[in-house]
N, C-alpha and C. Protein backbone atom coordinates (compact mmCIF):
# COMPACT_ATOMS: atom_id res chain seq x y z
N MET A 1 -10.37 -2.57 36.14
CA MET A 1 -10.70 -1.20 35.88
C MET A 1 -11.66 -1.27 35.49
N VAL A 2 -12.80 -0.23 35.20
CA VAL A 2 -13.87 -0.03 34.45
C VAL A 2 -14.13 1.67 34.62
N THR A 3 -14.59 1.69 33.36
CA THR A 3 -15.13 3.08 32.86
C THR A 3 -16.63 3.28 33.52
N HIS A 4 -17.03 4.49 33.84
CA HIS A 4 -18.57 4.72 34.15
C HIS A 4 -18.84 6.28 33.68
N VAL A 5 -19.78 6.41 32.42
CA VAL A 5 -20.15 7.17 31.97
C VAL A 5 -21.58 7.49 32.80
N PRO A 6 -21.71 9.06 33.41
CA PRO A 6 -23.01 9.21 34.46
C PRO A 6 -23.92 9.25 33.68
N ALA A 7 -25.43 8.87 34.34
CA ALA A 7 -26.70 9.12 33.52
C ALA A 7 -26.80 10.36 33.10
N GLU A 8 -26.63 11.37 33.87
CA GLU A 8 -26.78 12.57 33.51
C GLU A 8 -26.19 13.53 33.44
N ALA A 9 -25.10 13.94 32.71
CA ALA A 9 -24.05 14.63 33.11
C ALA A 9 -24.60 16.26 32.54
N HIS A 10 -23.89 16.95 33.66
CA HIS A 10 -24.93 18.36 33.31
C HIS A 10 -26.24 18.27 33.91
N GLY A 11 -26.87 17.58 34.25
CA GLY A 11 -28.22 17.54 34.39
C GLY A 11 -28.87 17.46 33.15
N ASP A 12 -28.55 16.84 32.13
CA ASP A 12 -29.41 17.29 30.88
C ASP A 12 -29.28 15.92 29.90
N GLU A 13 -30.60 16.08 28.85
CA GLU A 13 -30.01 14.65 27.93
C GLU A 13 -29.14 15.34 27.03
N ARG A 14 -28.52 16.41 26.87
CA ARG A 14 -27.44 16.69 25.78
C ARG A 14 -25.83 16.31 26.61
N GLY A 15 -25.86 16.90 27.89
CA GLY A 15 -24.85 16.52 28.64
C GLY A 15 -24.24 14.72 28.63
N ALA A 16 -25.82 14.60 29.03
CA ALA A 16 -25.70 12.94 29.15
C ALA A 16 -24.98 11.96 27.61
N LEU A 17 -25.84 12.75 25.97
CA LEU A 17 -25.12 12.16 25.27
C LEU A 17 -23.99 12.56 24.76
N LEU A 18 -24.11 13.53 25.27
CA LEU A 18 -22.17 13.97 24.97
C LEU A 18 -21.70 12.86 25.68
N SER A 19 -21.57 12.69 26.49
CA SER A 19 -20.81 12.05 27.58
C SER A 19 -20.50 10.56 27.17
N PHE A 20 -21.43 9.99 26.86
CA PHE A 20 -21.66 8.60 26.09
C PHE A 20 -20.99 8.59 24.44
N VAL A 21 -20.73 10.04 23.76
CA VAL A 21 -20.31 10.01 22.54
C VAL A 21 -18.55 10.31 23.31
N GLU A 22 -18.15 10.87 23.95
CA GLU A 22 -16.87 10.74 24.90
C GLU A 22 -16.35 9.89 25.16
N ALA A 23 -17.03 9.26 25.62
CA ALA A 23 -16.67 7.52 26.22
C ALA A 23 -15.56 6.89 25.31
N GLN A 24 -17.27 6.79 24.25
CA GLN A 24 -16.35 5.92 23.08
C GLN A 24 -15.41 6.56 22.30
N ARG A 25 -15.11 8.16 22.21
CA ARG A 25 -13.86 8.68 21.62
C ARG A 25 -12.70 7.96 22.37
N GLY A 26 -12.77 8.31 23.71
CA GLY A 26 -11.76 7.75 24.73
C GLY A 26 -11.13 6.34 24.61
N ALA A 27 -12.15 5.16 23.98
CA ALA A 27 -11.75 3.84 23.75
C ALA A 27 -10.95 4.07 22.50
N ILE A 28 -11.37 4.67 21.37
CA ILE A 28 -10.65 4.47 20.59
C ILE A 28 -9.17 5.52 20.82
N ARG A 29 -8.90 6.33 21.29
CA ARG A 29 -7.80 6.95 21.73
C ARG A 29 -6.96 6.13 22.78
N ARG A 30 -7.53 5.41 23.57
CA ARG A 30 -6.86 4.44 24.65
C ARG A 30 -6.33 4.09 23.69
N SER A 31 -6.79 3.15 22.64
CA SER A 31 -6.13 1.86 21.98
C SER A 31 -4.95 2.27 21.07
N LEU A 32 -4.44 3.73 21.22
CA LEU A 32 -2.96 3.91 20.57
C LEU A 32 -2.09 4.44 21.18
N ILE A 33 -2.61 4.10 22.95
CA ILE A 33 -1.49 4.15 23.86
C ILE A 33 -0.23 3.75 23.87
N GLY A 34 0.95 4.51 23.93
CA GLY A 34 2.35 3.87 23.54
C GLY A 34 2.94 2.90 22.29
N LEU A 35 1.96 3.33 21.36
CA LEU A 35 2.73 2.55 19.98
C LEU A 35 3.19 3.52 19.13
N THR A 36 3.64 2.63 18.20
CA THR A 36 4.43 3.48 17.20
C THR A 36 3.61 3.97 16.16
N GLU A 37 3.52 4.48 15.06
CA GLU A 37 3.21 4.85 14.25
C GLU A 37 3.18 3.82 12.93
N GLU A 38 4.17 2.85 13.21
CA GLU A 38 4.14 1.90 12.48
C GLU A 38 3.36 0.94 12.81
N GLN A 39 3.17 0.27 14.30
CA GLN A 39 2.35 -0.45 14.94
C GLN A 39 0.90 0.11 14.80
N ALA A 40 0.54 1.22 14.83
CA ALA A 40 -0.97 1.53 14.88
C ALA A 40 -1.35 1.86 13.64
N ALA A 41 -0.43 1.44 12.01
CA ALA A 41 -0.66 1.30 11.21
C ALA A 41 -1.05 -0.14 10.98
N SER A 42 -0.43 -0.75 11.17
CA SER A 42 -0.01 -2.30 10.90
C SER A 42 -2.08 -2.94 10.92
N ARG A 43 -1.68 -4.24 10.45
CA ARG A 43 -3.31 -4.93 10.27
C ARG A 43 -2.59 -6.27 10.37
N PRO A 44 -3.07 -6.45 12.33
CA PRO A 44 -3.05 -7.64 12.46
C PRO A 44 -3.54 -9.03 12.41
N SER A 45 -5.15 -8.76 11.67
CA SER A 45 -5.82 -9.59 11.99
C SER A 45 -5.99 -9.74 9.93
N ALA A 46 -7.19 -10.38 9.81
CA ALA A 46 -7.68 -10.70 8.45
C ALA A 46 -8.18 -9.07 8.00
N SER A 47 -8.68 -8.39 9.06
CA SER A 47 -9.20 -7.27 8.48
C SER A 47 -8.49 -5.94 7.95
N GLU A 48 -8.73 -5.31 6.85
CA GLU A 48 -8.14 -4.18 6.28
C GLU A 48 -7.77 -3.32 7.60
N LEU A 49 -8.45 -3.30 8.73
CA LEU A 49 -8.26 -2.14 9.03
C LEU A 49 -7.15 -2.04 10.52
N SER A 50 -6.76 -0.75 10.74
CA SER A 50 -5.64 -0.54 11.32
C SER A 50 -6.18 0.47 12.30
N LEU A 51 -5.46 0.60 13.77
CA LEU A 51 -5.60 1.86 14.65
C LEU A 51 -5.62 3.43 14.01
N SER A 52 -4.72 3.46 13.69
CA SER A 52 -4.31 4.72 12.83
C SER A 52 -5.39 4.99 11.80
N GLY A 53 -5.65 4.08 10.87
CA GLY A 53 -7.00 3.95 10.12
C GLY A 53 -8.47 4.14 10.73
N LEU A 54 -8.46 3.51 11.84
CA LEU A 54 -9.81 3.87 12.88
C LEU A 54 -9.98 5.19 13.11
N LEU A 55 -8.69 5.74 13.57
CA LEU A 55 -9.00 6.96 14.50
C LEU A 55 -9.48 7.78 12.97
N LYS A 56 -8.80 8.28 12.31
CA LYS A 56 -8.74 8.52 10.94
C LYS A 56 -10.17 8.58 10.69
N HIS A 57 -10.81 7.61 10.32
CA HIS A 57 -12.38 7.30 9.71
C HIS A 57 -13.20 8.17 11.10
N VAL A 58 -12.78 7.42 12.55
CA VAL A 58 -13.92 7.88 13.22
C VAL A 58 -14.14 9.49 13.40
N ALA A 59 -12.90 9.88 13.35
CA ALA A 59 -12.47 12.07 13.22
C ALA A 59 -13.30 11.95 11.75
N GLU A 60 -13.21 11.76 10.72
CA GLU A 60 -13.98 12.49 9.30
C GLU A 60 -15.27 12.05 9.50
N THR A 61 -15.31 10.46 10.10
CA THR A 61 -17.23 10.43 9.90
C THR A 61 -17.93 11.47 11.09
N GLU A 62 -17.17 11.56 12.04
CA GLU A 62 -17.70 12.35 13.20
C GLU A 62 -18.10 14.05 12.62
N LEU A 63 -16.88 14.47 11.92
CA LEU A 63 -16.85 15.70 11.25
C LEU A 63 -18.13 16.00 9.85
N ASN A 64 -17.99 14.78 9.28
CA ASN A 64 -19.37 14.50 8.42
C ASN A 64 -20.48 14.66 8.72
N TRP A 65 -21.31 14.50 10.19
CA TRP A 65 -22.28 14.09 10.56
C TRP A 65 -22.25 15.42 11.39
N LEU A 66 -21.34 15.91 11.69
CA LEU A 66 -21.44 16.99 12.00
C LEU A 66 -21.69 18.34 11.03
N ARG A 67 -21.40 18.46 9.81
CA ARG A 67 -21.57 19.27 9.17
C ARG A 67 -22.72 18.73 8.48
N LEU A 68 -23.57 17.77 8.41
CA LEU A 68 -24.90 17.71 7.63
C LEU A 68 -25.72 18.21 8.79
N ALA A 69 -25.64 17.84 10.46
CA ALA A 69 -26.20 18.39 10.91
C ALA A 69 -26.53 20.05 10.76
N GLN A 70 -25.25 20.65 10.84
CA GLN A 70 -25.02 22.43 10.78
C GLN A 70 -25.62 23.03 9.07
N GLN A 71 -25.52 22.02 8.16
CA GLN A 71 -26.04 22.39 7.12
C GLN A 71 -24.98 22.97 6.26
N LEU A 72 -23.60 22.54 6.54
CA LEU A 72 -22.75 23.35 6.04
C LEU A 72 -21.45 22.08 4.94
N PRO A 73 -20.59 22.41 4.09
CA PRO A 73 -20.24 21.86 3.03
C PRO A 73 -19.15 21.35 3.96
N ASN A 74 -18.92 20.13 3.59
CA ASN A 74 -18.18 19.17 4.52
C ASN A 74 -16.63 19.47 3.61
N GLU A 75 -15.08 20.42 4.58
CA GLU A 75 -14.30 20.07 3.67
C GLU A 75 -13.35 19.36 3.52
N GLN A 76 -13.91 18.18 4.35
CA GLN A 76 -12.96 16.78 4.23
C GLN A 76 -13.53 15.96 3.09
N ALA A 77 -14.91 16.06 2.69
CA ALA A 77 -15.60 15.04 2.17
C ALA A 77 -15.10 14.41 1.25
N ARG A 78 -15.38 13.18 1.34
CA ARG A 78 -14.65 12.00 0.62
C ARG A 78 -15.45 11.69 -0.55
N THR A 79 -14.63 11.08 -2.00
CA THR A 79 -15.58 10.99 -2.90
C THR A 79 -15.27 8.96 -3.12
N GLU A 80 -15.77 8.40 -4.29
CA GLU A 80 -15.26 7.17 -4.27
C GLU A 80 -14.22 6.92 -4.63
N ALA A 81 -13.18 7.68 -5.11
CA ALA A 81 -11.96 7.40 -5.56
C ALA A 81 -11.12 7.64 -3.97
N THR A 82 -11.53 8.39 -3.07
CA THR A 82 -10.65 8.78 -1.71
C THR A 82 -11.20 8.18 -0.53
N TRP A 83 -12.54 7.12 -0.67
CA TRP A 83 -13.08 6.51 0.49
C TRP A 83 -12.12 5.53 1.03
N ALA A 84 -11.56 4.76 0.39
CA ALA A 84 -9.94 4.24 0.83
C ALA A 84 -9.32 4.85 1.71
N ASP A 85 -8.85 6.43 1.58
CA ASP A 85 -7.61 6.96 2.49
C ASP A 85 -8.42 7.75 3.71
N SER A 86 -10.03 7.09 4.00
CA SER A 86 -10.61 7.51 5.26
C SER A 86 -10.03 6.64 5.85
N PHE A 87 -9.45 5.29 5.46
CA PHE A 87 -9.46 4.35 6.19
C PHE A 87 -7.71 4.13 6.96
N ARG A 88 -7.25 4.94 6.05
CA ARG A 88 -5.61 4.84 6.53
C ARG A 88 -4.92 6.05 6.12
N LEU A 89 -3.85 6.14 7.17
CA LEU A 89 -2.93 8.04 7.10
C LEU A 89 -2.47 7.86 5.65
N VAL A 90 -2.29 8.49 5.05
CA VAL A 90 -1.52 8.85 3.99
C VAL A 90 -0.59 10.14 3.89
N GLY A 91 0.53 9.89 2.84
CA GLY A 91 1.52 11.26 2.59
C GLY A 91 1.98 11.22 4.06
N ASP A 92 1.94 12.88 5.18
CA ASP A 92 2.80 13.19 5.67
C ASP A 92 1.62 12.97 6.96
N GLU A 93 0.45 12.37 7.40
CA GLU A 93 -0.37 12.48 8.14
C GLU A 93 0.28 11.50 9.28
N ASN A 94 -0.18 12.03 10.81
CA ASN A 94 0.51 10.84 11.39
C ASN A 94 -0.85 10.91 12.74
N VAL A 95 -0.56 10.00 13.76
CA VAL A 95 -1.44 9.79 14.68
C VAL A 95 -1.25 10.88 15.70
N PRO A 96 -0.78 11.82 15.90
CA PRO A 96 -0.81 13.17 16.96
C PRO A 96 -1.54 13.94 16.10
N GLN A 97 -1.42 14.19 14.66
CA GLN A 97 -1.90 15.22 14.17
C GLN A 97 -3.38 14.74 13.67
N MET A 98 -4.10 13.31 13.84
CA MET A 98 -5.29 12.85 13.80
C MET A 98 -6.08 12.72 15.11
N LEU A 99 -5.25 13.01 15.96
CA LEU A 99 -6.08 12.94 17.10
C LEU A 99 -6.35 14.53 17.64
N GLU A 100 -5.22 15.62 17.29
CA GLU A 100 -5.32 17.09 17.22
C GLU A 100 -6.57 17.04 16.28
N PHE A 101 -6.87 16.63 15.32
CA PHE A 101 -7.82 16.84 14.32
C PHE A 101 -9.27 16.69 15.00
N TRP A 102 -9.49 15.14 15.81
CA TRP A 102 -10.48 14.85 16.18
C TRP A 102 -10.84 15.72 17.23
N ALA A 103 -9.70 16.34 18.43
CA ALA A 103 -10.02 16.80 19.33
C ALA A 103 -10.80 18.11 18.93
N LYS A 104 -10.45 18.85 17.48
CA LYS A 104 -11.23 19.79 17.37
C LYS A 104 -12.45 19.62 16.75
N VAL A 105 -12.70 18.53 16.13
CA VAL A 105 -13.95 18.34 15.88
C VAL A 105 -14.97 18.18 16.66
N ALA A 106 -14.46 17.20 17.67
CA ALA A 106 -15.57 17.02 19.04
C ALA A 106 -15.34 18.09 19.90
N ALA A 107 -14.67 19.52 19.86
CA ALA A 107 -15.27 20.19 20.60
C ALA A 107 -16.16 21.41 19.88
N GLU A 108 -16.20 20.93 18.87
CA GLU A 108 -17.04 21.77 17.36
C GLU A 108 -18.75 20.86 17.63
N THR A 109 -18.17 19.70 17.77
CA THR A 109 -19.33 18.70 18.07
C THR A 109 -20.44 19.61 19.41
N GLU A 110 -19.38 19.59 20.26
CA GLU A 110 -20.11 19.51 21.47
C GLU A 110 -20.22 21.14 21.71
N ASP A 111 -20.08 22.27 21.21
CA ASP A 111 -20.70 23.56 20.71
C ASP A 111 -21.52 23.74 20.09
N PHE A 112 -21.89 23.02 18.66
CA PHE A 112 -22.71 23.05 18.28
C PHE A 112 -23.92 22.57 19.01
N ILE A 113 -23.67 21.01 19.67
CA ILE A 113 -25.00 20.34 20.00
C ILE A 113 -25.52 21.34 21.48
N HIS A 114 -24.79 22.02 22.32
CA HIS A 114 -25.06 22.97 23.34
C HIS A 114 -25.60 24.37 23.05
N ALA A 115 -25.57 24.76 21.54
CA ALA A 115 -25.92 25.60 20.95
C ALA A 115 -27.17 25.68 20.40
N VAL A 116 -27.81 24.67 20.24
CA VAL A 116 -29.03 24.13 19.19
C VAL A 116 -30.31 24.57 20.27
N ASP A 117 -31.16 24.75 19.76
CA ASP A 117 -32.46 24.85 20.42
C ASP A 117 -32.81 23.67 20.86
N SER A 118 -32.94 22.78 20.57
CA SER A 118 -33.69 21.66 21.15
C SER A 118 -32.73 20.31 20.81
N MET A 119 -32.93 19.44 21.12
CA MET A 119 -32.73 18.04 20.80
C MET A 119 -33.14 17.74 19.90
N ASN A 120 -34.67 18.36 19.78
CA ASN A 120 -35.71 17.80 18.56
C ASN A 120 -35.48 18.68 17.32
N ASP A 121 -34.30 19.83 16.90
CA ASP A 121 -34.33 19.96 15.95
C ASP A 121 -33.68 19.03 14.95
N THR A 122 -34.03 19.13 13.68
CA THR A 122 -33.82 18.05 12.81
C THR A 122 -32.74 18.83 11.29
N PHE A 123 -31.90 17.84 10.92
CA PHE A 123 -31.45 18.33 9.75
C PHE A 123 -31.72 17.40 8.78
N PRO A 124 -31.65 17.66 6.99
CA PRO A 124 -32.24 17.13 5.97
C PRO A 124 -31.10 16.01 6.13
N LEU A 125 -31.33 14.46 5.86
CA LEU A 125 -30.16 13.80 5.32
C LEU A 125 -29.97 13.77 3.73
N PRO A 126 -28.95 14.02 3.27
CA PRO A 126 -28.65 13.75 1.40
C PRO A 126 -29.13 12.32 1.08
N GLU A 127 -29.72 12.81 -0.41
CA GLU A 127 -30.41 12.44 -1.22
C GLU A 127 -28.90 11.07 -1.25
N ALA A 128 -29.37 9.40 -0.98
CA ALA A 128 -28.20 8.91 -1.08
C ALA A 128 -29.03 7.43 -1.01
N PRO A 129 -28.74 6.22 -1.78
CA PRO A 129 -29.71 5.20 -1.74
C PRO A 129 -30.03 4.74 -0.46
N TRP A 130 -29.00 4.88 0.61
CA TRP A 130 -29.52 4.38 1.88
C TRP A 130 -29.92 5.13 2.85
N PHE A 131 -30.54 6.14 2.43
CA PHE A 131 -31.02 6.90 3.30
C PHE A 131 -32.55 6.99 2.92
N PRO A 132 -34.06 6.85 3.51
CA PRO A 132 -34.86 7.29 2.58
C PRO A 132 -35.20 8.72 2.82
N LYS A 133 -35.73 8.63 1.84
CA LYS A 133 -36.22 9.70 0.35
C LYS A 133 -36.99 10.76 1.89
N ASP A 134 -36.01 11.81 1.21
CA ASP A 134 -36.99 13.04 2.25
C ASP A 134 -36.55 13.20 3.51
N ALA A 135 -35.43 12.09 3.89
CA ALA A 135 -35.75 12.20 5.69
C ALA A 135 -34.84 12.99 6.45
N GLU A 136 -35.20 13.06 7.63
CA GLU A 136 -34.41 14.10 8.85
C GLU A 136 -34.22 13.36 9.73
N CYS A 137 -33.28 13.64 10.37
CA CYS A 137 -32.60 13.45 11.95
C CYS A 137 -33.10 14.41 12.79
N SER A 138 -32.97 13.87 13.71
CA SER A 138 -32.84 14.97 14.89
C SER A 138 -31.24 15.21 15.81
N MET A 139 -31.11 16.03 16.40
CA MET A 139 -29.72 16.34 17.25
C MET A 139 -29.81 14.81 17.89
N ARG A 140 -30.81 14.72 18.85
CA ARG A 140 -30.67 13.48 19.55
C ARG A 140 -30.23 12.07 18.46
N TRP A 141 -30.85 12.23 18.13
CA TRP A 141 -30.41 11.16 16.51
C TRP A 141 -29.14 10.76 16.44
N LEU A 142 -28.72 12.13 15.85
CA LEU A 142 -27.31 12.52 15.92
C LEU A 142 -26.21 11.82 16.94
N LEU A 143 -26.12 12.08 17.46
CA LEU A 143 -25.57 11.96 19.01
C LEU A 143 -25.73 10.43 19.39
N VAL A 144 -26.97 9.52 19.25
CA VAL A 144 -27.12 8.51 19.20
C VAL A 144 -26.69 7.46 17.90
N HIS A 145 -26.12 8.12 17.21
CA HIS A 145 -25.60 7.35 15.90
C HIS A 145 -24.36 7.82 15.78
N LEU A 146 -23.48 8.65 16.86
CA LEU A 146 -22.26 9.05 16.61
C LEU A 146 -21.51 7.94 18.16
N VAL A 147 -22.42 7.47 18.79
CA VAL A 147 -22.60 6.72 19.89
C VAL A 147 -22.12 5.21 19.44
N GLU A 148 -23.26 5.00 18.42
CA GLU A 148 -22.91 3.52 17.44
C GLU A 148 -22.06 3.37 16.85
N GLU A 149 -21.73 4.75 15.90
CA GLU A 149 -20.82 4.40 15.02
C GLU A 149 -18.95 4.08 15.67
N ILE A 150 -19.35 5.14 16.61
CA ILE A 150 -17.74 5.22 17.23
C ILE A 150 -17.57 3.93 18.06
N ALA A 151 -18.73 3.51 18.89
CA ALA A 151 -18.34 2.60 19.66
C ALA A 151 -18.52 0.94 18.67
N ARG A 152 -19.00 1.11 17.78
CA ARG A 152 -18.34 0.08 16.64
C ARG A 152 -17.31 -0.55 16.36
N HIS A 153 -16.87 0.88 15.89
CA HIS A 153 -14.77 0.73 15.76
C HIS A 153 -14.00 0.85 16.66
N ALA A 154 -14.52 0.93 18.15
CA ALA A 154 -14.08 0.96 19.37
C ALA A 154 -13.74 -0.53 19.74
N GLY A 155 -14.74 -1.47 19.22
CA GLY A 155 -14.76 -2.47 19.35
C GLY A 155 -13.75 -2.93 18.15
N HIS A 156 -13.75 -2.87 17.56
CA HIS A 156 -12.34 -3.11 16.08
C HIS A 156 -11.43 -2.93 16.87
N ALA A 157 -11.01 -1.80 17.51
CA ALA A 157 -9.82 -1.34 18.09
C ALA A 157 -9.40 -2.12 19.28
N ASP A 158 -10.02 -2.65 20.18
CA ASP A 158 -10.16 -3.46 21.01
C ASP A 158 -9.56 -4.58 20.43
N ILE A 159 -10.14 -5.16 19.77
CA ILE A 159 -9.25 -6.87 18.68
C ILE A 159 -7.89 -6.40 18.28
N ILE A 160 -8.13 -5.21 17.64
CA ILE A 160 -6.68 -5.17 17.09
C ILE A 160 -5.44 -4.84 17.98
N ARG A 161 -5.67 -4.07 18.93
CA ARG A 161 -4.65 -3.92 19.87
C ARG A 161 -4.52 -5.00 20.72
N GLU A 162 -5.60 -5.86 21.22
CA GLU A 162 -5.03 -7.02 21.69
C GLU A 162 -4.30 -8.07 20.62
N SER A 163 -4.65 -7.81 19.45
CA SER A 163 -3.61 -8.76 18.79
C SER A 163 -2.47 -8.20 18.30
N LEU A 164 -2.20 -7.37 18.41
CA LEU A 164 -0.78 -5.99 18.11
C LEU A 164 -0.01 -6.90 19.65
N ASP A 165 -0.35 -6.55 20.91
CA ASP A 165 0.42 -6.32 22.37
C ASP A 165 -0.06 -7.43 23.08
N GLY A 166 -0.99 -7.97 22.72
CA GLY A 166 -2.33 -8.34 23.83
C GLY A 166 -2.40 -7.55 24.82
N ARG A 167 -2.59 -6.31 24.83
CA ARG A 167 -3.22 -5.24 25.65
C ARG A 167 -4.60 -5.05 25.63
N THR A 168 -5.35 -5.41 26.63
CA THR A 168 -6.85 -5.30 26.41
C THR A 168 -6.78 -3.52 27.17
N ALA A 169 -8.50 -3.52 26.36
CA ALA A 169 -9.10 -2.23 26.88
C ALA A 169 -9.18 -1.94 28.43
N PHE A 170 -9.14 -2.59 29.12
CA PHE A 170 -9.18 -2.70 30.59
C PHE A 170 -7.39 -2.24 31.26
N GLU A 171 -6.43 -2.87 30.40
CA GLU A 171 -5.12 -2.33 30.77
C GLU A 171 -4.99 -0.94 30.30
N LEU A 172 -5.65 -0.83 29.41
CA LEU A 172 -5.26 0.81 29.05
C LEU A 172 -5.86 1.73 29.60
N ILE A 173 -7.26 1.39 30.03
CA ILE A 173 -7.96 2.53 30.92
C ILE A 173 -6.84 2.64 32.20
N ALA A 174 -6.50 1.54 32.69
CA ALA A 174 -5.75 1.62 33.75
C ALA A 174 -4.52 3.10 33.49
N GLN A 175 -3.68 2.46 32.24
CA GLN A 175 -2.53 3.29 32.08
C GLN A 175 -2.51 4.72 31.68
N GLU A 176 -4.07 4.76 31.51
CA GLU A 176 -4.44 5.95 30.36
C GLU A 176 -3.93 7.64 31.33
N ALA A 177 -4.17 7.60 32.62
CA ALA A 177 -3.85 8.04 33.54
C ALA A 177 -2.07 8.54 33.19
N ASP A 178 -1.26 7.85 33.05
CA ASP A 178 0.07 8.05 33.13
C ASP A 178 0.25 8.32 31.69
N TYR A 179 -0.49 8.20 30.73
CA TYR A 179 0.00 8.93 29.35
C TYR A 179 -0.76 10.23 28.46
N PRO A 180 -0.42 11.13 29.33
CA PRO A 180 -1.49 12.04 29.28
C PRO A 180 -1.50 12.78 27.42
N SER A 181 -0.75 12.43 27.28
CA SER A 181 -0.64 12.81 25.39
C SER A 181 -1.74 12.34 24.82
N GLN A 182 -2.48 11.39 24.97
CA GLN A 182 -3.08 10.64 24.36
C GLN A 182 -4.74 10.34 25.12
N SER A 183 -4.91 11.21 26.16
CA SER A 183 -6.00 11.35 26.58
C SER A 183 -6.75 12.66 26.45
């Protein structure tokens, strides 16, 4: 069973790009189907990555890019001292909470994109050694970047999940309808 993302959801570029972002979000969510908190936090490969850590990271990353585009402060902003915590659940954080948090971020992203006048609208990138000086990005670039960022980590999630219990992305796609709390 494969997934299919319509070329033009809602008949426009925004819909198509948002559909591709959502398809990648789904891949991350599916990687967690049926796992305990302990399994989701485990690191079965040479990598330090875990499925629950990837979930938290992509949710916080999407929020960060959304706040940049909105030109608002990021209430979840990380510092050098807290950066590693963006890749692991800490304190009483758990997978259901992270899924709920990400769902809210996703809905806010979609509402924001639907509200902008044009996909050509831009926002400034912050000063950082990895960004060009005085650079701006379009809303189109934002969505393409979210696809790129989330898809990269969805690939990591596929490997981690298969390392945990042998389940592949295709099996999880087939099971998704039977596990509505994760979809």
